[in-house]
């Protein structure tokens, strides 16, 4: 018997928690269309009752399939409910097990930490007791120290008072003796001054005597700083020419065409000011024509050109003149 094509079926989905059920139903619309539009096939031959019977047989199969599908739906719902109950029971069991485990862990933790807590509590109580005792002793020591400090202060006041009286007496006596010594020294200084007025100092060998001074003319050449130091070594200084008379007298001793360092140089704070070695400013000058010219901005020292003066770099080599005072 020739099979008739079964109408397409509509898919319906049922979800039961994690279980997915796919139930198929006949498409009712297409089924009605099949009933409405069903016509026996015509052929060139006469009408066939066999084909008609086959068509009715197929329709009967479709009805049976639809009925079986409808009968399966309640069974699926029952299965879904049973599975939900099983899942719920499983979750309850898991939660119960977890609670038991947590309770056991809590009991173990308390059993371990409680003895330690008791030990620490005892140690804290001992420390608090020791601190209290220490504070009590500290207060007693402080009170004793205050008493000792008061006694010491009174003793010091008495001692200082006695020392001040003794020192005042000794200081008065010392001042009296010092005044007497000062009067004696003044008398001796007057006598010594009178004695020196009657004595003439002779210039050293190789030095020249002019008025109240001795002069030394070097035979070697040095820089200005070196010449100054050489004069200091023999208790003298580079010559300081402070008036015309001394300048004219000194020129008679100088060898012509020789250049000598004198004790004159520019002030370190103001290059336009010239000062002698003793710090006094220049009041008498004997500069050569167009001098000082501060050539190349490095001429800070003064030389005598066997008469007139010239400014020159202090590092140049020149002869030099030393001077020392002579007492008469």
Foldseek 3Di string as FASTA:
>chain_A
DDADDAADWDWDWDDQPPDIDIATAHDPVVLVVCVVPDDDDDDPDDDDVVSVVNVVVNNVVNVVVRVVSVVCVVVVVVVSVVVVVVVVVVVVVVVVVVVVVVVVVVVVVCVVCVVVVVVVVVVVVVVVVVVVVVVVVVVVVVVVVVVVVVVVVVVVVVVVVVVVVVVVVVVVVVVVVVVVVVVVVVVVVVVVVVVLQPDWFDDDPQWDDDDFKTKHWDPWWFFQVVVQVVLVVVVWGFADDQDDVVLVVVLVVDDAQFKAFGQKWADPVDRVWIAGPVGHGHPDAQADPCPPPCPPVAFTGWMANSHHIYTHHRGDIHITMIMDGIGD
